[in-house]
Amino acid sequence: MEKKMYYFVALALSMLMTQASFGQRYVKIAASGDPANPTDIFPVIMGDTANGARVDNNTIYQLENGVTYVTSGRLRNTKDWPLQIEAENLTDLENKAILTRLPNSSGTYPDIGRPEGDFTFKNLWIISGERGALENHDWGRIRASGSKTRIVVKDCIIEKDRGGFIQVRADSLKIFIDNCIFRNGGNRRILQGNGRGVDARNFTLDTLVMTNTIVHNIQDRFFRSQGAVVPHNYIMIDHCTSFNTAGRHGHIQLGRVKKAIITNNIFSNPIMLGSSPVFTDEQTQPDNNLHKVITLDTLFAETDLTIAGNNIFWTSDVTDYWATVDTVNAPGILSDLIVQNMGTAADSGNAYFTEVIGFDSLPGSILQYVKDLYANPQSDSMYDFIVEDILVSGTAFDSGNLFDLSETSPCYSASSASATASTTGGAIGVTSTCPQLWNLGGATNNEELLDGTAFKIYPNPVLGKANFVFTLEHTGDVVLEVFDLNGRVLSVINEGVVSAGVHKLKWEVPSKLKGGFYIARLRVGEKVHTEKFILNR
């Protein structure tokens, strides 16, 4: 059943993230060429009408890569037309189109958007809440406001929002987030919560699928759900990485949910504040006010939890500091109702393990914020929590607390336990940019390895060319094919007898294939092994 659900979600994610070329209208929004006066996309998108109606509901608005745009008003669509904004070149992930805000005539900064219909963002760098040098950033600048709508956010950076980077303000949404970075969220120089990855508040989600996403330098939770009476239908958080999260109210708050899959993630320092009732005055925890990393508020008869292959740890600088504060203890990992639902699976070591690993490059620790907070919780001049990029050095935005965000890399040693700890034997956390971690240790998609056969694909994601490497113990008939998620054969790479040994077959990706998920199938005699891969376009 779990395997079928996995394929269903992968199929849905692929369909949502891959646009059909037939009947598609593209509108390129040209850059102004003047960095001091960037192009305003608001009148272009909201004014794309004729005789009072949208020119074409199926329109994708394209922004030039590496160029800054602004919106002077709140982008808002209806259920009749999806709001679709993307970089012109979706494969140039190093140079995203940049979107920020421009104050209106009254000096007020608008939201990025409050869509009431579907919306899709691809390969954008959205500076969500910035409103001037040393000002408190704004709160809730992207609010999904339409019930039963679909949200797709892929290959995006979203930063500098005091609230949630994606705020849910309606019921029955389907949200798909892949290969994104959410960073720098929360209040500046003041205590309180806020600063969240996805904030469901008191609304009920139909679906949340969050994969290959980094969440860091936030003050509150990776995911918040609080107050909804009806349980969420389906939540998957898989192969994500978080670090530098103060975690005032926890880390993953499932609230009420029917089906949840929390697998193959790395949570480094997920609650840097530790477990202390002193700072649970705003929102309580389900287990007697004690912080825990993954929590469940209500257990239903149909609640089905899969929590496995997660590395959850704190670094020594954090634990050493806790030891100096009498009221602070290390947080627990799973709340009581989760343990009750999972039974022995929660305690067997399958749900999580602890391995302190060193990442290749992080922007720096926010532990000083925690120290300043405990020293004087009422201070209005404490450590500047929403950090600033080193690019603003010497400008009006330079608050003396600058971080180099450009080199952030959550890659880690291939010799660590985490490199082969996933539920399918591979690496956990975000590994899409970590060649040393690709497909280490085994298969994907819960398929069993062939007897005496190893099979790998690299690079993954694929960028026009792919290498298929497999090792055979015995000579035999080998068929290697590529399928889409509907089971259609797209390419036959090999069909015939292959000798024992190591083989590498190169594949030139046909130009007709769109970006999305695909399956490579290796058949040796009667044995079959599959690997999922992502094609970037």
Protein backbone atom coordinates (compact mmCIF):
# COMPACT_ATOMS: atom_id res chain seq x y z
CA MET A 1 0.00 0.00 0.00
CA GLU A 2 2.84 2.39 0.90
CA LYS A 3 4.57 1.68 -2.44
CA LYS A 4 1.38 2.41 -4.35
CA MET A 5 0.95 5.67 -2.45
CA TYR A 6 4.56 6.62 -3.25
CA TYR A 7 4.03 6.10 -6.98
CA PHE A 8 0.73 7.99 -6.84
CA VAL A 9 2.43 10.97 -5.23
CA ALA A 10 5.37 10.83 -7.66
CA LEU A 11 2.96 10.71 -10.59
CA ALA A 12 0.94 13.62 -9.24
CA LEU A 13 4.08 15.65 -8.58
CA SER A 14 5.38 14.99 -12.07
CA MET A 15 2.11 15.93 -13.71
CA LEU A 16 1.87 19.10 -11.68
CA MET A 17 5.43 20.20 -12.33
CA THR A 18 5.50 19.39 -16.05
CA GLN A 19 3.50 21.72 -18.27
CA ALA A 20 2.00 20.44 -21.50
CA SER A 21 3.28 22.30 -24.54
CA PHE A 22 0.01 22.16 -26.44
CA GLY A 23 -2.01 25.35 -26.28
CA GLN A 24 0.39 26.95 -23.83
CA ARG A 25 0.78 30.73 -23.97
CA TYR A 26 4.03 32.30 -22.77
CA VAL A 27 4.46 35.97 -21.97
CA LYS A 28 8.02 37.11 -21.40
CA ILE A 29 8.24 40.16 -19.16
CA ALA A 30 11.25 42.11 -20.34
CA ALA A 31 13.69 43.53 -17.81
CA SER A 32 14.01 47.30 -17.67
CA GLY A 33 17.80 47.27 -17.96
CA ASP A 34 17.99 49.78 -15.09
CA PRO A 35 18.77 48.12 -11.72
CA ALA A 36 17.57 51.25 -9.92
CA ASN A 37 14.19 51.05 -11.65
CA PRO A 38 13.31 47.36 -12.09
CA THR A 39 10.33 46.20 -14.11
CA ASP A 40 7.05 46.05 -12.23
CA ILE A 41 5.28 42.78 -13.05
CA PHE A 42 2.01 43.74 -11.36
CA PRO A 43 0.48 45.77 -14.21
CA VAL A 44 1.67 43.24 -16.78
CA ILE A 45 0.10 40.22 -15.10
CA MET A 46 -2.99 41.80 -13.58
CA GLY A 47 -3.58 43.92 -16.68
CA ASP A 48 -3.33 41.02 -19.14
CA THR A 49 -6.96 41.38 -20.17
CA ALA A 50 -9.06 42.26 -23.18
CA ASN A 51 -12.66 43.47 -23.00
CA GLY A 52 -12.64 42.84 -19.28
CA ALA A 53 -11.58 39.17 -19.48
CA ARG A 54 -8.25 37.40 -19.26
CA VAL A 55 -6.54 37.11 -22.62
CA ASP A 56 -5.67 33.46 -21.97
CA ASN A 57 -6.17 31.62 -18.70
CA ASN A 58 -3.38 29.20 -19.56
CA THR A 59 -0.53 31.73 -19.52
CA ILE A 60 2.95 31.35 -18.09
CA TYR A 61 4.72 34.63 -17.29
CA GLN A 62 8.48 34.36 -17.76
CA LEU A 63 11.11 36.51 -16.05
CA GLU A 64 14.71 36.86 -17.18
CA ASN A 65 17.24 34.85 -15.19
CA GLY A 66 19.47 36.77 -12.82
CA VAL A 67 17.40 39.96 -13.06
CA THR A 68 15.44 41.70 -10.29
CA TYR A 69 11.73 42.44 -10.77
CA VAL A 70 9.25 44.02 -8.38
CA THR A 71 5.54 43.92 -7.81
CA SER A 72 3.86 47.15 -6.72
CA GLY A 73 0.60 45.42 -5.88
CA ARG A 74 -0.84 42.17 -4.55
CA LEU A 75 -0.92 39.45 -7.22
CA ARG A 76 -4.31 37.83 -6.96
CA ASN A 77 -5.99 35.41 -9.32
CA THR A 78 -9.27 33.49 -9.29
CA LYS A 79 -10.11 29.84 -9.70
CA ASP A 80 -10.72 30.50 -13.39
CA TRP A 81 -7.06 31.09 -14.14
CA PRO A 82 -3.85 29.75 -12.61
CA LEU A 83 -1.12 32.22 -11.71
CA GLN A 84 2.07 30.85 -13.26
CA ILE A 85 5.41 32.67 -12.93
CA GLU A 86 8.78 31.17 -13.77
CA ALA A 87 12.30 31.99 -14.87
CA GLU A 88 12.78 32.01 -18.61
CA ASN A 89 15.51 29.36 -18.33
CA LEU A 90 14.39 26.66 -15.91
CA THR A 91 17.68 24.78 -16.08
CA ASP A 92 19.85 27.72 -14.96
CA LEU A 93 19.31 27.16 -11.26
CA GLU A 94 22.31 29.31 -10.31
CA ASN A 95 20.70 32.45 -11.77
CA LYS A 96 17.12 32.60 -10.68
CA ALA A 97 14.77 35.39 -11.60
CA ILE A 98 14.46 37.68 -8.57
CA LEU A 99 11.14 39.03 -7.32
CA THR A 100 10.72 41.54 -4.52
CA ARG A 101 8.33 44.40 -3.69
CA LEU A 102 7.92 48.10 -4.33
CA PRO A 103 6.08 50.41 -1.92
CA ASN A 104 2.85 51.91 -3.23
CA SER A 105 1.95 55.60 -3.19
CA SER A 106 1.17 55.53 0.54
CA GLY A 107 4.54 53.99 1.31
CA THR A 108 3.05 50.59 2.16
CA TYR A 109 4.73 47.50 0.81
CA PRO A 110 2.28 45.08 -0.86
CA ASP A 111 2.06 41.33 -0.48
CA ILE A 112 3.76 39.19 -3.08
CA GLY A 113 0.41 37.54 -3.62
CA ARG A 114 -2.82 36.20 -2.18
CA PRO A 115 -3.89 33.81 -4.92
CA GLU A 116 -7.42 32.49 -4.77
CA GLY A 117 -6.76 30.00 -7.58
CA ASP A 118 -3.92 27.64 -8.43
CA PHE A 119 -0.43 29.08 -8.55
CA THR A 120 2.96 27.85 -9.74
CA PHE A 121 6.39 29.39 -9.06
CA LYS A 122 9.49 27.93 -10.72
CA ASN A 123 13.14 28.91 -10.40
CA LEU A 124 12.42 32.21 -8.63
CA TRP A 125 14.23 33.96 -5.80
CA ILE A 126 11.44 35.64 -3.88
CA ILE A 127 12.50 38.21 -1.28
CA SER A 128 9.20 38.11 0.47
CA GLY A 129 9.12 40.51 3.38
CA GLU A 130 11.97 42.97 2.90
CA ARG A 131 10.88 46.56 3.47
CA GLY A 132 13.94 48.65 4.06
CA ALA A 133 17.16 48.93 6.01
CA LEU A 134 16.93 47.53 9.55
CA GLU A 135 13.13 47.42 9.46
CA ASN A 136 11.09 44.52 10.75
CA HIS A 137 10.32 42.40 7.73
CA ASP A 138 6.67 41.92 6.78
CA TRP A 139 4.56 38.95 7.72
CA GLY A 140 2.69 36.49 5.52
CA ARG A 141 3.54 37.88 2.10
CA ILE A 142 2.49 34.73 0.21
CA ARG A 143 -0.94 33.51 1.30
CA ALA A 144 -2.75 30.69 -0.45
CA SER A 145 -6.33 31.89 -0.10
CA GLY A 146 -8.40 29.66 -2.37
CA SER A 147 -9.98 26.45 -1.14
CA LYS A 148 -9.37 23.26 -3.14
CA THR A 149 -6.54 24.85 -5.10
CA ARG A 150 -3.12 23.58 -6.13
CA ILE A 151 0.23 25.15 -5.27
CA VAL A 152 3.48 24.14 -6.99
CA VAL A 153 6.77 25.70 -5.86
CA LYS A 154 9.85 24.26 -7.56
CA ASP A 155 13.52 25.28 -7.59
CA CYS A 156 12.77 28.47 -5.64
CA ILE A 157 14.37 30.45 -2.84
CA ILE A 158 11.89 32.24 -0.56
CA GLU A 159 13.28 34.36 2.25
CA LYS A 160 12.73 37.18 4.75
CA ASP A 161 9.17 36.68 5.90
CA ARG A 162 8.27 37.16 9.54
CA GLY A 163 5.55 34.53 9.30
CA GLY A 164 5.33 31.44 7.12
CA PHE A 165 7.00 31.32 3.73
CA ILE A 166 3.85 29.62 2.42
CA GLN A 167 0.81 30.56 4.50
CA VAL A 168 -2.33 28.47 4.15
CA ARG A 169 -5.52 30.47 4.42
CA ALA A 170 -8.08 28.03 3.01
CA ASP A 171 -9.05 24.38 3.29
CA SER A 172 -8.34 21.37 1.05
CA LEU A 173 -5.23 22.71 -0.67
CA LYS A 174 -2.78 20.50 -2.53
CA ILE A 175 0.77 21.81 -2.05
CA PHE A 176 3.85 20.43 -3.85
CA ILE A 177 7.27 21.85 -2.94
CA ASP A 178 10.45 20.46 -4.51
CA ASN A 179 14.10 21.48 -4.54
CA CYS A 180 13.56 24.78 -2.73
CA ILE A 181 15.26 26.81 -0.02
CA PHE A 182 13.21 28.59 2.64
CA ARG A 183 15.43 30.78 4.81
CA ASN A 184 15.61 33.68 7.24
CA GLY A 185 12.17 33.75 8.80
CA GLY A 186 10.92 35.28 12.05
CA ASN A 187 10.89 38.56 13.86
CA ARG A 188 13.84 40.92 14.13
CA ARG A 189 15.12 41.88 17.57
CA ILE A 190 11.92 40.86 19.34
CA LEU A 191 10.69 37.72 21.04
CA GLN A 192 7.70 35.77 19.65
CA GLY A 193 7.24 32.86 17.35
CA ASN A 194 6.77 33.17 13.62
CA GLY A 195 9.36 32.20 11.06
CA ARG A 196 7.97 28.98 9.61
CA GLY A 197 8.43 26.88 6.50
CA VAL A 198 4.84 25.98 5.67
CA ASP A 199 2.17 27.36 7.96
CA ALA A 200 -1.17 25.53 7.80
CA ARG A 201 -2.48 27.47 10.80
CA ASN A 202 -6.00 26.20 11.56
CA PHE A 203 -6.81 25.04 8.03
CA THR A 204 -6.98 21.48 6.75
CA LEU A 205 -4.73 20.36 3.90
CA ASP A 206 -5.67 17.78 1.33
CA THR A 207 -2.03 17.16 0.39
CA LEU A 208 1.40 18.47 1.32
CA VAL A 209 4.39 16.93 -0.45
CA MET A 210 7.69 18.57 0.48
CA THR A 211 10.81 17.02 -1.04
CA ASN A 212 14.49 17.95 -1.48
CA THR A 213 13.97 21.23 0.36
CA ILE A 214 16.23 23.12 2.76
CA VAL A 215 14.74 25.16 5.61
CA HIS A 216 17.17 27.19 7.69
CA ASN A 217 17.61 30.24 9.91
CA ILE A 218 14.03 30.35 11.10
CA GLN A 219 12.70 31.16 14.53
CA ASP A 220 9.85 28.71 14.76
CA ARG A 221 8.80 25.51 12.97
CA PHE A 222 9.59 23.70 9.77
CA PHE A 223 5.84 22.91 9.52
CA ARG A 224 3.03 24.21 11.69
CA SER A 225 -0.47 22.83 12.01
CA GLN A 226 -2.54 24.06 14.90
CA GLY A 227 -6.23 24.42 15.55
CA ALA A 228 -7.84 22.57 12.64
CA VAL A 229 -10.64 20.22 13.69
CA VAL A 230 -10.66 18.09 10.54
CA PRO A 231 -7.41 16.11 10.05
CA HIS A 232 -5.10 16.69 7.11
CA ASN A 233 -5.48 14.00 4.46
CA TYR A 234 -1.86 13.39 3.42
CA ILE A 235 1.51 14.87 4.42
CA MET A 236 4.88 13.77 3.06
CA ILE A 237 8.19 15.36 4.09
CA ASP A 238 10.98 13.41 2.43
CA HIS A 239 14.69 14.03 1.78
CA CYS A 240 14.66 17.49 3.34
CA THR A 241 17.34 19.20 5.43
CA SER A 242 16.97 21.79 8.16
CA PHE A 243 19.49 23.61 10.32
CA ASN A 244 19.69 26.78 12.41
CA THR A 245 16.11 26.68 13.66
CA ALA A 246 15.42 28.24 17.04
CA GLY A 247 12.25 26.13 17.26
CA ARG A 248 10.39 28.08 19.85
CA HIS A 249 7.33 25.85 19.44
CA GLY A 250 8.85 22.66 18.06
CA HIS A 251 9.86 21.58 14.56
CA ILE A 252 7.34 19.35 12.72
CA GLN A 253 3.84 19.86 14.13
CA LEU A 254 1.53 17.44 12.38
CA GLY A 255 -1.50 18.50 14.39
CA ARG A 256 -4.28 16.22 13.16
CA VAL A 257 -3.55 14.00 10.18
CA LYS A 258 -4.76 10.81 8.53
CA LYS A 259 -1.59 9.80 6.65
CA ALA A 260 1.87 11.24 7.27
CA ILE A 261 5.24 10.13 5.91
CA ILE A 262 8.31 11.75 7.48
CA THR A 263 11.27 9.96 5.94
CA ASN A 264 14.93 10.34 5.00
CA ASN A 265 15.39 13.84 6.44
CA ILE A 266 18.27 15.49 8.27
CA PHE A 267 17.26 17.86 11.07
CA SER A 268 20.37 19.52 12.48
CA ASN A 269 19.80 21.60 15.63
CA PRO A 270 16.01 21.53 15.05
CA ILE A 271 15.15 23.18 18.39
CA MET A 272 18.11 25.28 19.43
CA LEU A 273 16.17 26.76 22.34
CA GLY A 274 15.96 23.31 23.92
CA SER A 275 12.97 22.11 25.89
CA SER A 276 12.04 24.79 28.38
CA PRO A 277 8.56 25.70 29.68
CA VAL A 278 9.80 29.28 29.99
CA PHE A 279 9.19 29.85 26.31
CA THR A 280 5.92 28.00 25.78
CA ASP A 281 3.77 30.90 26.95
CA GLU A 282 2.28 31.60 23.53
CA GLN A 283 1.48 28.10 22.29
CA THR A 284 1.60 24.90 24.33
CA GLN A 285 2.97 21.53 23.31
CA PRO A 286 0.96 18.28 23.34
CA ASP A 287 3.18 16.63 25.98
CA ASN A 288 2.93 18.78 29.11
CA ASN A 289 4.54 21.84 27.54
CA LEU A 290 7.73 19.96 26.68
CA HIS A 291 9.13 20.60 23.24
CA LYS A 292 9.51 17.60 20.96
CA VAL A 293 10.81 17.57 17.41
CA ILE A 294 7.87 15.79 15.73
CA THR A 295 4.47 16.10 17.40
CA LEU A 296 0.90 14.92 16.95
CA ASP A 297 -1.99 16.66 18.71
CA THR A 298 -4.80 14.16 18.19
CA LEU A 299 -4.88 10.45 17.40
CA PHE A 300 -7.68 9.22 15.14
CA ALA A 301 -8.63 5.64 14.34
CA GLU A 302 -7.41 6.13 10.76
CA THR A 303 -4.15 7.89 11.66
CA ASP A 304 -1.31 6.17 9.79
CA LEU A 305 2.22 7.40 10.44
CA THR A 306 5.43 6.39 8.69
CA ILE A 307 8.48 7.97 10.29
CA ALA A 308 11.76 6.39 9.24
CA GLY A 309 15.34 7.02 8.20
CA ASN A 310 15.68 10.47 9.80
CA ASN A 311 18.91 11.80 11.32
CA ILE A 312 18.08 14.22 14.15
CA PHE A 313 20.95 15.72 16.09
CA TRP A 314 22.34 18.74 17.93
CA THR A 315 25.91 19.95 17.66
CA SER A 316 28.17 20.16 20.70
CA ASP A 317 28.17 23.97 20.87
CA VAL A 318 24.40 23.85 21.41
CA THR A 319 24.36 21.00 23.94
CA ASP A 320 27.31 22.51 25.84
CA TYR A 321 25.39 25.76 26.17
CA TRP A 322 22.26 23.97 27.41
CA ALA A 323 24.37 22.42 30.17
CA THR A 324 25.03 25.93 31.55
CA VAL A 325 21.31 26.80 31.85
CA ASP A 326 19.47 25.01 34.65
CA THR A 327 16.01 25.29 33.09
CA VAL A 328 16.96 23.92 29.66
CA ASN A 329 17.00 20.28 28.64
CA ALA A 330 17.44 18.45 25.38
CA PRO A 331 14.10 18.13 23.55
CA GLY A 332 12.46 14.80 23.00
CA ILE A 333 12.08 13.51 19.46
CA LEU A 334 8.60 11.96 19.07
CA SER A 335 5.51 13.03 20.99
CA ASP A 336 3.59 10.48 23.02
CA LEU A 337 0.75 10.00 20.53
CA ILE A 338 3.22 9.29 17.74
CA VAL A 339 4.85 6.59 19.82
CA GLN A 340 1.41 5.19 20.64
CA ASN A 341 0.46 5.06 16.96
CA MET A 342 3.74 3.59 15.69
CA GLY A 343 4.32 1.14 18.52
CA THR A 344 7.64 -0.68 18.39
CA ALA A 345 8.54 1.04 15.11
CA ALA A 346 8.99 4.29 17.02
CA ASP A 347 11.45 2.77 19.46
CA SER A 348 13.33 0.33 17.26
CA GLY A 349 15.69 2.89 15.74
CA ASN A 350 13.89 2.91 12.41
CA ALA A 351 12.12 6.22 13.02
CA TYR A 352 15.28 8.21 13.65
CA PHE A 353 18.89 7.93 14.67
CA THR A 354 21.51 10.41 15.84
CA GLU A 355 24.69 11.01 13.90
CA VAL A 356 26.42 14.36 14.26
CA ILE A 357 27.62 15.19 10.76
CA GLY A 358 29.47 18.16 9.35
CA PHE A 359 27.99 19.86 6.32
CA ASP A 360 30.25 21.14 3.57
CA SER A 361 29.31 24.79 4.02
CA LEU A 362 26.76 26.54 6.23
CA PRO A 363 26.18 30.28 6.64
CA GLY A 364 27.04 30.20 10.36
CA SER A 365 25.35 29.38 13.65
CA ILE A 366 22.55 31.42 15.22
CA LEU A 367 23.35 30.17 18.71
CA GLN A 368 24.18 33.70 19.85
CA TYR A 369 20.53 34.59 19.34
CA VAL A 370 19.56 31.81 21.76
CA LYS A 371 22.11 32.99 24.31
CA ASP A 372 20.91 36.60 24.07
CA LEU A 373 17.31 35.49 24.37
CA TYR A 374 17.90 33.56 27.57
CA ALA A 375 20.02 36.40 28.97
CA ASN A 376 17.29 39.00 28.42
CA PRO A 377 14.00 37.77 26.86
CA GLN A 378 12.54 41.30 26.83
CA SER A 379 15.40 42.94 24.98
CA ASP A 380 14.47 44.92 21.88
CA SER A 381 18.03 45.02 20.58
CA MET A 382 19.01 41.37 20.72
CA TYR A 383 20.86 39.48 18.04
CA ASP A 384 19.47 40.26 14.62
CA PHE A 385 17.75 36.96 13.90
CA ILE A 386 16.79 37.35 10.26
CA VAL A 387 20.31 37.40 8.95
CA GLU A 388 21.50 39.56 6.11
CA ASP A 389 23.43 38.40 3.08
CA ILE A 390 27.08 39.41 2.92
CA LEU A 391 26.25 41.12 -0.37
CA VAL A 392 24.80 44.06 1.61
CA SER A 393 28.10 44.75 3.37
CA GLY A 394 28.69 48.50 3.67
CA THR A 395 25.15 49.41 2.61
CA ALA A 396 22.22 50.70 4.65
CA PHE A 397 21.21 47.05 5.15
CA ASP A 398 24.47 46.19 6.90
CA SER A 399 23.45 45.51 10.50
CA GLY A 400 26.76 43.97 11.45
CA ASN A 401 25.36 40.45 11.30
CA LEU A 402 26.19 39.27 7.80
CA PHE A 403 26.15 35.72 6.52
CA ASP A 404 27.50 34.35 3.26
CA LEU A 405 24.45 32.54 1.95
CA SER A 406 25.86 31.92 -1.53
CA GLU A 407 27.96 28.91 -0.52
CA THR A 408 25.38 27.07 1.56
CA SER A 409 25.81 23.36 0.91
CA PRO A 410 24.17 20.63 3.02
CA CYS A 411 26.38 17.93 1.46
CA TYR A 412 28.29 15.65 3.83
CA SER A 413 30.77 12.80 3.83
CA ALA A 414 29.91 9.72 1.80
CA SER A 415 31.49 7.63 4.56
CA SER A 416 28.92 8.71 7.17
CA ALA A 417 26.08 6.46 8.28
CA SER A 418 23.61 9.00 6.85
CA ALA A 419 24.94 8.31 3.34
CA THR A 420 23.29 4.88 3.33
CA ALA A 421 20.55 5.37 5.92
CA SER A 422 17.49 6.05 3.76
CA THR A 423 14.53 3.72 3.64
CA THR A 424 15.87 2.48 0.29
CA GLY A 425 19.52 2.28 1.31
CA GLY A 426 20.72 5.58 -0.16
CA ALA A 427 21.67 8.97 1.26
CA ILE A 428 19.26 11.05 3.32
CA GLY A 429 18.63 14.80 3.38
CA VAL A 430 18.91 17.05 0.33
CA THR A 431 21.43 15.38 -1.97
CA SER A 432 20.48 16.67 -5.43
CA THR A 433 23.65 18.80 -5.62
CA CYS A 434 25.91 16.28 -3.88
CA PRO A 435 27.51 13.93 -6.46
CA GLN A 436 29.30 11.96 -3.76
CA LEU A 437 25.95 10.95 -2.25
CA TRP A 438 23.97 9.96 -5.34
CA ASN A 439 22.46 6.49 -5.06
CA LEU A 440 24.95 5.27 -2.46
CA GLY A 441 24.08 2.03 -0.82
CA GLY A 442 21.15 0.77 -2.80
CA ALA A 443 17.96 1.22 -4.76
CA THR A 444 15.17 3.72 -4.69
CA ASN A 445 11.39 3.41 -4.82
CA ASN A 446 11.37 0.52 -2.33
CA GLU A 447 12.41 -1.93 -5.06
CA GLU A 448 14.68 -4.85 -4.13
CA LEU A 449 18.17 -5.04 -5.58
CA LEU A 450 18.85 -7.72 -8.16
CA ASP A 451 20.84 -10.66 -6.89
CA GLY A 452 24.45 -9.78 -7.64
CA THR A 453 23.49 -6.58 -9.49
CA ALA A 454 24.14 -2.94 -8.62
CA PHE A 455 22.46 -0.15 -10.59
CA LYS A 456 23.10 3.61 -10.43
CA ILE A 457 22.15 6.71 -12.40
CA TYR A 458 24.20 9.88 -12.43
CA PRO A 459 23.88 12.78 -12.44
CA ASN A 460 20.48 12.85 -10.81
CA PRO A 461 18.80 15.23 -11.58
CA VAL A 462 19.70 14.64 -15.23
CA LEU A 463 20.69 17.68 -17.29
CA GLY A 464 20.62 16.43 -20.88
CA LYS A 465 22.90 13.39 -20.52
CA ALA A 466 22.77 10.47 -18.12
CA ASN A 467 25.06 7.58 -17.26
CA PHE A 468 23.59 4.22 -16.33
CA VAL A 469 26.07 2.06 -14.40
CA PHE A 470 25.40 -1.54 -13.47
CA THR A 471 27.43 -4.51 -12.35
CA LEU A 472 26.61 -8.09 -13.30
CA GLU A 473 27.99 -11.18 -11.62
CA HIS A 474 27.01 -13.36 -14.57
CA THR A 475 26.60 -12.86 -18.31
CA GLY A 476 22.97 -12.58 -19.32
CA ASP A 477 20.23 -10.91 -21.32
CA VAL A 478 19.92 -7.27 -20.28
CA VAL A 479 17.18 -4.83 -21.22
CA LEU A 480 17.54 -1.21 -20.09
CA GLU A 481 14.61 1.11 -20.77
CA VAL A 482 13.30 4.52 -19.72
CA PHE A 483 9.61 4.97 -18.92
CA ASP A 484 7.37 7.84 -17.98
CA LEU A 485 5.18 7.50 -14.90
CA ASN A 486 2.29 6.30 -17.06
CA GLY A 487 4.32 3.24 -18.03
CA ARG A 488 5.08 4.32 -21.61
CA VAL A 489 8.48 3.26 -23.00
CA LEU A 490 10.40 6.36 -24.07
CA SER A 491 13.85 4.93 -24.83
CA VAL A 492 15.41 1.49 -25.15
CA ILE A 493 19.05 1.95 -24.15
CA ASN A 494 20.13 -1.68 -24.33
CA GLU A 495 18.56 -4.93 -25.47
CA GLY A 496 20.81 -7.95 -25.71
CA VAL A 497 23.42 -10.10 -24.02
CA VAL A 498 25.84 -8.33 -21.66
CA SER A 499 28.90 -9.96 -20.13
CA ALA A 500 29.67 -10.11 -16.44
CA GLY A 501 31.39 -7.05 -14.99
CA VAL A 502 30.89 -3.32 -14.66
CA HIS A 503 29.13 -1.49 -17.50
CA LYS A 504 28.40 2.21 -18.12
CA LEU A 505 25.87 3.16 -20.78
CA LYS A 506 25.45 6.79 -21.83
CA TRP A 507 22.07 8.20 -22.76
CA GLU A 508 21.41 11.41 -24.66
CA VAL A 509 18.06 12.69 -23.43
CA PRO A 510 15.65 13.22 -26.36
CA SER A 511 14.82 16.89 -26.80
CA LYS A 512 11.10 16.12 -26.80
CA LEU A 513 11.13 15.02 -23.16
CA LYS A 514 9.89 17.60 -20.69
CA GLY A 515 11.25 18.11 -17.19
CA GLY A 516 9.86 15.83 -14.50
CA PHE A 517 10.11 12.37 -12.98
CA TYR A 518 11.02 9.27 -15.03
CA ILE A 519 11.80 5.62 -14.34
CA ALA A 520 14.77 3.61 -15.61
CA ARG A 521 14.18 -0.14 -15.61
CA LEU A 522 16.98 -2.69 -15.76
CA ARG A 523 15.86 -6.24 -16.53
CA VAL A 524 18.35 -9.10 -16.22
CA GLY A 525 16.64 -12.34 -17.13
CA GLU A 526 13.58 -12.53 -14.90
CA LYS A 527 14.92 -10.03 -12.36
CA VAL A 528 13.85 -6.38 -12.55
CA HIS A 529 15.27 -3.30 -10.83
CA THR A 530 14.00 0.28 -11.19
CA GLU A 531 15.46 3.67 -10.39
CA LYS A 532 13.59 6.96 -10.36
CA PHE A 533 15.34 10.03 -11.71
CA ILE A 534 14.51 13.67 -12.31
CA LEU A 535 15.01 15.38 -15.66
CA ASN A 536 15.65 19.11 -15.41
CA ARG A 537 14.69 21.26 -18.38
